[in-house]
C-alpha atoms as a PDB file:
ATOM      1  CA  UNK A   1       0.113   0.151  -0.184  1.00  0.00           C
ATOM      2  CA  UNK A   2       1.118   3.394  -0.730  1.00  0.00           C
ATOM      3  CA  UNK A   3       1.483   6.128   2.140  1.00  0.00           C
ATOM      4  CA  UNK A   4      -0.333   8.508  -0.323  1.00  0.00           C
ATOM      5  CA  UNK A   5      -2.504   7.830  -3.318  1.00  0.00           C
ATOM      6  CA  UNK A   6      -4.379  10.405  -5.463  1.00  0.00           C
ATOM      7  CA  UNK A   7      -6.763   8.790  -7.501  1.00  0.00           C
ATOM      8  CA  UNK A   8      -8.154  10.092 -10.470  1.00  0.00           C
ATOM      9  CA  UNK A   9      -8.766  13.388  -8.505  1.00  0.00           C
ATOM     10  CA  UNK A  10     -10.099  16.785 -10.222  1.00  0.00           C
ATOM     11  CA  UNK A  11     -10.507  19.848  -8.643  1.00  0.00           C
ATOM     12  CA  UNK A  12     -12.373  23.363  -9.938  1.00  0.00           C
ATOM     13  CA  UNK A  13     -12.724  26.785  -8.938  1.00  0.00           C
ATOM     14  CA  UNK A  14     -15.981  28.743 -10.159  1.00  0.00           C
ATOM     15  CA  UNK A  15     -16.015  32.929 -10.276  1.00  0.00           C
ATOM     16  CA  UNK A  16     -19.782  33.534 -10.897  1.00  0.00           C
ATOM     17  CA  UNK A  17     -20.356  31.894 -14.142  1.00  0.00           C
ATOM     18  CA  UNK A  18     -17.020  30.930 -14.953  1.00  0.00           C
ATOM     19  CA  UNK A  19     -15.457  27.622 -14.414  1.00  0.00           C
ATOM     20  CA  UNK A  20     -11.543  26.513 -14.143  1.00  0.00           C
ATOM     21  CA  UNK A  21     -10.460  23.159 -13.986  1.00  0.00           C
ATOM     22  CA  UNK A  22      -7.029  23.558 -11.801  1.00  0.00           C
ATOM     23  CA  UNK A  23      -6.366  19.856 -11.643  1.00  0.00           C
ATOM     24  CA  UNK A  24      -7.979  17.222 -14.338  1.00  0.00           C
ATOM     25  CA  UNK A  25      -8.038  13.802 -13.821  1.00  0.00           C
ATOM     26  CA  UNK A  26      -4.613  13.301 -11.787  1.00  0.00           C
ATOM     27  CA  UNK A  27      -3.629   9.752 -10.385  1.00  0.00           C
ATOM     28  CA  UNK A  28      -0.257   9.841  -8.511  1.00  0.00           C
ATOM     29  CA  UNK A  29       0.973   7.253  -5.794  1.00  0.00           C
ATOM     30  CA  UNK A  30       4.000   8.185  -3.606  1.00  0.00           C
ATOM     31  CA  UNK A  31       5.751   5.637  -0.750  1.00  0.00           C
ATOM     32  CA  UNK A  32       7.037   6.311   2.380  1.00  0.00           C
ATOM     33  CA  UNK A  33      11.289   7.829   1.827  1.00  0.00           C
ATOM     34  CA  UNK A  34      10.372   9.093  -1.661  1.00  0.00           C
ATOM     35  CA  UNK A  35      10.985  12.663  -3.201  1.00  0.00           C
ATOM     36  CA  UNK A  36       8.887  13.746  -5.523  1.00  0.00           C
ATOM     37  CA  UNK A  37       8.755  16.752  -7.469  1.00  0.00           C
ATOM     38  CA  UNK A  38       5.847  18.053  -9.476  1.00  0.00           C
ATOM     39  CA  UNK A  39       7.608  20.675 -11.990  1.00  0.00           C
ATOM     40  CA  UNK A  40       5.315  23.163 -14.277  1.00  0.00           C
ATOM     41  CA  UNK A  41       4.788  26.689 -14.768  1.00  0.00           C
ATOM     42  CA  UNK A  42       2.570  28.691 -13.173  1.00  0.00           C
ATOM     43  CA  UNK A  43      -1.127  28.233 -13.176  1.00  0.00           C
ATOM     44  CA  UNK A  44      -0.466  25.117 -14.637  1.00  0.00           C
ATOM     45  CA  UNK A  45      -2.074  23.345 -11.152  1.00  0.00           C
ATOM     46  CA  UNK A  46       0.974  22.280  -9.557  1.00  0.00           C
ATOM     47  CA  UNK A  47       0.220  24.234  -6.149  1.00  0.00           C
ATOM     48  CA  UNK A  48      -3.680  23.286  -6.429  1.00  0.00           C
ATOM     49  CA  UNK A  49      -2.229  19.581  -6.418  1.00  0.00           C
ATOM     50  CA  UNK A  50      -0.220  19.917  -3.651  1.00  0.00           C
ATOM     51  CA  UNK A  51      -2.925  21.080  -1.453  1.00  0.00           C
ATOM     52  CA  UNK A  52      -5.024  18.318  -2.331  1.00  0.00           C
ATOM     53  CA  UNK A  53      -2.482  15.751  -1.753  1.00  0.00           C
ATOM     54  CA  UNK A  54      -2.055  17.437   1.653  1.00  0.00           C
ATOM     55  CA  UNK A  55      -5.758  17.791   2.587  1.00  0.00           C
ATOM     56  CA  UNK A  56      -6.449  21.356   2.982  1.00  0.00           C
ATOM     57  CA  UNK A  57      -8.226  21.246  -0.383  1.00  0.00           C
ATOM     58  CA  UNK A  58     -11.155  18.661  -1.269  1.00  0.00           C
ATOM     59  CA  UNK A  59     -11.384  17.730  -4.777  1.00  0.00           C
ATOM     60  CA  UNK A  60     -14.896  17.594  -6.754  1.00  0.00           C
ATOM     61  CA  UNK A  61     -13.981  13.945  -8.027  1.00  0.00           C
ATOM     62  CA  UNK A  62     -11.935  11.373  -7.123  1.00  0.00           C
ATOM     63  CA  UNK A  63     -10.631   9.984  -3.768  1.00  0.00           C
ATOM     64  CA  UNK A  64      -7.320  10.862  -1.911  1.00  0.00           C
ATOM     65  CA  UNK A  65      -5.930   7.865   0.687  1.00  0.00           C
ATOM     66  CA  UNK A  66      -3.303   8.640   2.968  1.00  0.00           C
ATOM     67  CA  UNK A  67      -2.267   5.385   5.169  1.00  0.00           C
ATOM     68  CA  UNK A  68      -5.119   3.843   3.644  1.00  0.00           C
ATOM     69  CA  UNK A  69      -7.595   6.416   5.111  1.00  0.00           C
ATOM     70  CA  UNK A  70      -9.629   8.706   3.141  1.00  0.00           C
ATOM     71  CA  UNK A  71      -8.321  12.218   3.457  1.00  0.00           C
ATOM     72  CA  UNK A  72     -11.648  14.036   3.003  1.00  0.00           C
ATOM     73  CA  UNK A  73     -12.748  12.332   6.261  1.00  0.00           C
ATOM     74  CA  UNK A  74      -9.740  12.369   8.220  1.00  0.00           C
ATOM     75  CA  UNK A  75      -7.805  15.435   7.520  1.00  0.00           C
ATOM     76  CA  UNK A  76      -8.612  17.092  10.350  1.00  0.00           C
ATOM     77  CA  UNK A  77      -6.495  14.550  12.628  1.00  0.00           C
ATOM     78  CA  UNK A  78      -3.885  13.983   9.732  1.00  0.00           C
ATOM     79  CA  UNK A  79      -2.726  17.540   8.623  1.00  0.00           C
ATOM     80  CA  UNK A  80      -0.606  19.152  10.584  1.00  0.00           C
ATOM     81  CA  UNK A  81       0.113  15.731  12.698  1.00  0.00           C
ATOM     82  CA  UNK A  82       0.902  13.010  10.086  1.00  0.00           C
ATOM     83  CA  UNK A  83       1.111  15.291   7.343  1.00  0.00           C
ATOM     84  CA  UNK A  84       2.933  18.442   7.502  1.00  0.00           C
ATOM     85  CA  UNK A  85       2.614  21.540   5.044  1.00  0.00           C
ATOM     86  CA  UNK A  86       5.151  24.069   4.212  1.00  0.00           C
ATOM     87  CA  UNK A  87       4.235  27.436   3.868  1.00  0.00           C
ATOM     88  CA  UNK A  88       7.277  29.207   2.694  1.00  0.00           C
ATOM     89  CA  UNK A  89       6.012  32.537   1.938  1.00  0.00           C
ATOM     90  CA  UNK A  90       7.603  35.224   4.161  1.00  0.00           C
ATOM     91  CA  UNK A  91       5.433  38.161   5.713  1.00  0.00           C
ATOM     92  CA  UNK A  92       5.925  41.200   7.053  1.00  0.00           C
ATOM     93  CA  UNK A  93       2.731  40.889   9.532  1.00  0.00           C
ATOM     94  CA  UNK A  94       4.319  37.783  11.408  1.00  0.00           C
ATOM     95  CA  UNK A  95       4.997  38.401  14.972  1.00  0.00           C
ATOM     96  CA  UNK A  96       6.791  36.307  17.452  1.00  0.00           C
ATOM     97  CA  UNK A  97       9.941  34.688  18.156  1.00  0.00           C
ATOM     98  CA  UNK A  98      11.079  31.810  15.284  1.00  0.00           C
ATOM     99  CA  UNK A  99      11.344  29.259  18.232  1.00  0.00           C
ATOM    100  CA  UNK A 100       7.808  29.836  19.407  1.00  0.00           C
ATOM    101  CA  UNK A 101       6.205  29.414  15.771  1.00  0.00           C
ATOM    102  CA  UNK A 102       7.953  25.889  15.650  1.00  0.00           C
ATOM    103  CA  UNK A 103       6.971  25.161  19.146  1.00  0.00           C
ATOM    104  CA  UNK A 104       3.451  25.752  18.386  1.00  0.00           C
ATOM    105  CA  UNK A 105       2.605  22.413  16.656  1.00  0.00           C
ATOM    106  CA  UNK A 106       3.781  20.653  19.650  1.00  0.00           C
ATOM    107  CA  UNK A 107       1.843  22.813  22.136  1.00  0.00           C
ATOM    108  CA  UNK A 108      -1.186  22.430  20.255  1.00  0.00           C
ATOM    109  CA  UNK A 109      -0.905  18.511  21.129  1.00  0.00           C
ATOM    110  CA  UNK A 110      -0.400  19.747  24.570  1.00  0.00           C
ATOM    111  CA  UNK A 111       3.503  18.955  24.879  1.00  0.00           C
ATOM    112  CA  UNK A 112       4.986  21.016  27.891  1.00  0.00           C
ATOM    113  CA  UNK A 113       6.490  24.320  26.959  1.00  0.00           C
ATOM    114  CA  UNK A 114      10.255  23.287  27.658  1.00  0.00           C
ATOM    115  CA  UNK A 115       9.893  20.164  25.535  1.00  0.00           C
ATOM    116  CA  UNK A 116       8.348  21.772  22.754  1.00  0.00           C
ATOM    117  CA  UNK A 117      10.636  24.739  22.725  1.00  0.00           C
ATOM    118  CA  UNK A 118      13.466  21.929  22.993  1.00  0.00           C
ATOM    119  CA  UNK A 119      12.612  19.827  20.071  1.00  0.00           C
ATOM    120  CA  UNK A 120      12.137  23.185  18.207  1.00  0.00           C
ATOM    121  CA  UNK A 121      15.750  23.823  18.800  1.00  0.00           C
ATOM    122  CA  UNK A 122      16.639  20.333  17.583  1.00  0.00           C
ATOM    123  CA  UNK A 123      14.920  20.896  14.327  1.00  0.00           C
ATOM    124  CA  UNK A 124      16.346  24.269  13.592  1.00  0.00           C
ATOM    125  CA  UNK A 125      19.751  22.442  14.324  1.00  0.00           C
ATOM    126  CA  UNK A 126      18.760  19.639  11.740  1.00  0.00           C
ATOM    127  CA  UNK A 127      17.845  22.321   9.012  1.00  0.00           C
ATOM    128  CA  UNK A 128      20.740  24.586   9.350  1.00  0.00           C
ATOM    129  CA  UNK A 129      18.570  27.511  10.784  1.00  0.00           C
ATOM    130  CA  UNK A 130      19.906  27.570  14.446  1.00  0.00           C
ATOM    131  CA  UNK A 131      20.898  31.147  14.264  1.00  0.00           C
ATOM    132  CA  UNK A 132      17.207  32.084  13.829  1.00  0.00           C
ATOM    133  CA  UNK A 133      15.817  30.743  17.000  1.00  0.00           C
ATOM    134  CA  UNK A 134      15.852  33.897  18.467  1.00  0.00           C
ATOM    135  CA  UNK A 135      14.753  36.420  15.595  1.00  0.00           C
ATOM    136  CA  UNK A 136      11.610  37.915  15.015  1.00  0.00           C
ATOM    137  CA  UNK A 137       9.554  35.846  12.310  1.00  0.00           C
ATOM    138  CA  UNK A 138       9.452  38.837  10.003  1.00  0.00           C
ATOM    139  CA  UNK A 139      13.190  39.442  10.448  1.00  0.00           C
ATOM    140  CA  UNK A 140      13.619  36.045   8.178  1.00  0.00           C
ATOM    141  CA  UNK A 141      15.004  35.971   4.688  1.00  0.00           C
ATOM    142  CA  UNK A 142      15.434  33.972   1.455  1.00  0.00           C
ATOM    143  CA  UNK A 143      16.461  30.495   2.531  1.00  0.00           C
ATOM    144  CA  UNK A 144      15.823  30.948   6.200  1.00  0.00           C
ATOM    145  CA  UNK A 145      12.191  31.668   5.552  1.00  0.00           C
ATOM    146  CA  UNK A 146      12.051  28.210   4.033  1.00  0.00           C
ATOM    147  CA  UNK A 147      14.207  26.438   6.571  1.00  0.00           C
ATOM    148  CA  UNK A 148      12.155  27.323   9.202  1.00  0.00           C
ATOM    149  CA  UNK A 149       8.877  26.446   7.434  1.00  0.00           C
ATOM    150  CA  UNK A 150      10.430  22.930   7.287  1.00  0.00           C
ATOM    151  CA  UNK A 151      10.973  22.846  10.998  1.00  0.00           C
ATOM    152  CA  UNK A 152       7.938  24.036  11.587  1.00  0.00           C
ATOM    153  CA  UNK A 153       6.254  20.882   9.295  1.00  0.00           C
ATOM    154  CA  UNK A 154       8.443  18.422  11.071  1.00  0.00           C
ATOM    155  CA  UNK A 155       7.823  19.581  14.626  1.00  0.00           C
ATOM    156  CA  UNK A 156       4.899  16.695  14.550  1.00  0.00           C
ATOM    157  CA  UNK A 157       7.565  14.214  12.829  1.00  0.00           C
ATOM    158  CA  UNK A 158       5.099  13.538   9.797  1.00  0.00           C
ATOM    159  CA  UNK A 159       5.387  10.730   7.481  1.00  0.00           C
ATOM    160  CA  UNK A 160       4.603  13.136   4.619  1.00  0.00           C
ATOM    161  CA  UNK A 161       6.187  16.849   4.134  1.00  0.00           C
ATOM    162  CA  UNK A 162       4.036  18.612   1.300  1.00  0.00           C
ATOM    163  CA  UNK A 163       6.398  21.834   0.176  1.00  0.00           C
ATOM    164  CA  UNK A 164       4.918  24.180  -2.301  1.00  0.00           C
ATOM    165  CA  UNK A 165       8.110  25.572  -4.371  1.00  0.00           C
ATOM    166  CA  UNK A 166      10.865  25.651  -1.799  1.00  0.00           C
ATOM    167  CA  UNK A 167      13.443  27.441  -4.064  1.00  0.00           C
ATOM    168  CA  UNK A 168      11.284  30.384  -5.211  1.00  0.00           C
ATOM    169  CA  UNK A 169      12.574  34.065  -4.108  1.00  0.00           C
ATOM    170  CA  UNK A 170      15.740  31.886  -2.479  1.00  0.00           C
ATOM    171  CA  UNK A 171      19.425  33.354  -3.911  1.00  0.00           C
ATOM    172  CA  UNK A 172      20.841  30.874  -6.641  1.00  0.00           C
ATOM    173  CA  UNK A 173      23.962  29.546  -4.441  1.00  0.00           C
ATOM    174  CA  UNK A 174      21.551  28.984  -1.636  1.00  0.00           C
ATOM    175  CA  UNK A 175      19.106  26.283  -3.750  1.00  0.00           C
ATOM    176  CA  UNK A 176      20.939  23.491  -3.980  1.00  0.00           C
ATOM    177  CA  UNK A 177      21.437  22.874  -0.343  1.00  0.00           C
ATOM    178  CA  UNK A 178      17.915  23.633   0.227  1.00  0.00           C
ATOM    179  CA  UNK A 179      17.474  20.609  -2.163  1.00  0.00           C
ATOM    180  CA  UNK A 180      20.046  18.766  -0.384  1.00  0.00           C
ATOM    181  CA  UNK A 181      18.359  19.318   2.856  1.00  0.00           C
ATOM    182  CA  UNK A 182      14.764  17.650   1.390  1.00  0.00           C
ATOM    183  CA  UNK A 183      16.870  14.903  -0.021  1.00  0.00           C
ATOM    184  CA  UNK A 184      18.109  13.844   3.400  1.00  0.00           C
ATOM    185  CA  UNK A 185      14.601  14.322   4.804  1.00  0.00           C
ATOM    186  CA  UNK A 186      13.488  12.057   2.466  1.00  0.00           C
ATOM    187  CA  UNK A 187      16.532   9.665   3.029  1.00  0.00           C
ATOM    188  CA  UNK A 188      15.306   9.368   6.602  1.00  0.00           C
ATOM    189  CA  UNK A 189      12.057   8.090   5.796  1.00  0.00           C
ATOM    190  CA  UNK A 190       9.799  10.931   5.320  1.00  0.00           C
ATOM    191  CA  UNK A 191       8.404  11.466   2.034  1.00  0.00           C
ATOM    192  CA  UNK A 192       8.585  14.583   0.358  1.00  0.00           C
ATOM    193  CA  UNK A 193       6.099  16.140  -2.152  1.00  0.00           C
ATOM    194  CA  UNK A 194       7.567  19.325  -3.552  1.00  0.00           C
ATOM    195  CA  UNK A 195       6.527  21.722  -6.717  1.00  0.00           C
ATOM    196  CA  UNK A 196       8.795  23.642  -8.882  1.00  0.00           C
ATOM    197  CA  UNK A 197       8.631  25.713 -11.834  1.00  0.00           C
ATOM    198  CA  UNK A 198      12.918  25.891 -11.906  1.00  0.00           C
ATOM    199  CA  UNK A 199      14.674  23.054 -13.463  1.00  0.00           C
ATOM    200  CA  UNK A 200      17.300  23.367 -11.066  1.00  0.00           C
ATOM    201  CA  UNK A 201      14.587  22.276  -8.526  1.00  0.00           C
ATOM    202  CA  UNK A 202      14.616  18.670 -10.039  1.00  0.00           C
ATOM    203  CA  UNK A 203      17.907  17.768  -8.596  1.00  0.00           C
ATOM    204  CA  UNK A 204      18.222  14.759  -6.562  1.00  0.00           C
ATOM    205  CA  UNK A 205      14.474  13.920  -6.951  1.00  0.00           C
ATOM    206  CA  UNK A 206      13.359  10.185  -6.933  1.00  0.00           C
ATOM    207  CA  UNK A 207      10.457  11.429  -9.588  1.00  0.00           C
ATOM    208  CA  UNK A 208       9.790  14.681 -11.179  1.00  0.00           C
ATOM    209  CA  UNK A 209       6.441  14.354 -12.833  1.00  0.00           C
ATOM    210  CA  UNK A 210       5.539  17.338 -15.666  1.00  0.00           C
ATOM    211  CA  UNK A 211       2.001  19.229 -14.876  1.00  0.00           C
ATOM    212  CA  UNK A 212       0.292  21.076 -17.655  1.00  0.00           C
ATOM    213  CA  UNK A 213      -3.022  22.779 -17.516  1.00  0.00           C
ATOM    214  CA  UNK A 214      -4.242  20.608 -14.704  1.00  0.00           C
ATOM    215  CA  UNK A 215      -3.070  17.266 -15.950  1.00  0.00           C
ATOM    216  CA  UNK A 216       0.272  15.215 -15.538  1.00  0.00           C
ATOM    217  CA  UNK A 217       2.226  15.066 -18.643  1.00  0.00           C
ATOM    218  CA  UNK A 218       4.634  12.584 -17.856  1.00  0.00           C
ATOM    219  CA  UNK A 219       7.864  12.134 -15.858  1.00  0.00           C
ATOM    220  CA  UNK A 220      10.557  15.061 -16.646  1.00  0.00           C
ATOM    221  CA  UNK A 221      14.423  13.846 -17.006  1.00  0.00           C
ATOM    222  CA  UNK A 222      16.259  16.211 -15.477  1.00  0.00           C
ATOM    223  CA  UNK A 223      19.721  15.471 -17.616  1.00  0.00           C
ATOM    224  CA  UNK A 224      17.770  15.023 -20.863  1.00  0.00           C
ATOM    225  CA  UNK A 225      15.500  18.103 -20.434  1.00  0.00           C
ATOM    226  CA  UNK A 226      12.257  16.760 -21.917  1.00  0.00           C
ATOM    227  CA  UNK A 227       9.055  15.172 -20.765  1.00  0.00           C
ATOM    228  CA  UNK A 228       8.241  11.458 -21.250  1.00  0.00           C
ATOM    229  CA  UNK A 229       4.867  10.458 -21.386  1.00  0.00           C
ATOM    230  CA  UNK A 230       3.382   8.524 -18.460  1.00  0.00           C
ATOM    231  CA  UNK A 231       2.005   4.824 -18.881  1.00  0.00           C
ATOM    232  CA  UNK A 232      -0.986   5.378 -16.787  1.00  0.00           C
ATOM    233  CA  UNK A 233      -2.374   2.441 -14.657  1.00  0.00           C
ATOM    234  CA  UNK A 234      -5.268   2.202 -13.135  1.00  0.00           C
ATOM    235  CA  UNK A 235      -4.110   2.741  -9.996  1.00  0.00           C
ATOM    236  CA  UNK A 236      -2.047   5.675 -10.487  1.00  0.00           C
ATOM    237  CA  UNK A 237       0.986   6.992 -12.114  1.00  0.00           C
ATOM    238  CA  UNK A 238       4.059   5.163 -11.600  1.00  0.00           C
ATOM    239  CA  UNK A 239       7.504   5.238 -13.151  1.00  0.00           C
ATOM    240  CA  UNK A 240       7.654   3.530 -16.199  1.00  0.00           C
END
C-alpha cells in the first residue's frame, strides 16, 4: 500500500459563471521515503495538486487516501500531524520569535512548553537554521524562511512533508543546499512532495512529474530536459 494515493482527482474553481479546472483526472502514488517533484509553469495546477495532496483542499471528483485512510474524512486528524504542509512565503505581518512559531505545533498537541521548545531547537539545528531561534519571524529572509518552515512542519514528525516551491525567491547559491536538505529528509524515511517551476529544483529527486493545464503529462528527465509520457495504470501514475 502506498503512503499517499491520489486516484483520478479533479479540482475546479468557479467565479460567477466562469469555471476553471485546476487539476484534471490526476492519479499519483507516493511511497514512504520518496522525494517527488511536480514541475510546471505558473497556473499549471502544481500548487493546487499539492494542497489537495495535503488535505487542505478537497477534490470534486476522485479520492485521496493517506496510510489507507480517506483524506476527506480524516484530514483534521492527519494535517499538521502525519502530514506536514510548508508555507514558504514570508510575511512582514508575522509576529513572535521563530522558536515559538516552531514549538506551536507541539503545544497544540498539549506538549509541555519546555519540551516543545527543546524539540524546536533540535529541528532548527537539523535544518541548518539554529541561528534563527531568537529572531522575530518577520526578520527572516530567503532560505531562512524556507528552512524555518520545514522545521515547523517537521515538529510533529510527519510521514509526509508537502512543500510548495521551496526554492522560489531564494538566492541561486542557496538553492542546492535546500534541495539537499529535502533529499536528506526523504532519506530518513519522510516522504517529500514538492513543486517547482525551475529545472534546478529537480535535482536529486526520485521522480519529477510534469503538469500542464491541470494534467500530469509525464516524467521529466532532468539530465535530458524533456518529458517522457506517462504510462497510466488504473491505480495511479508510476515510473515506467
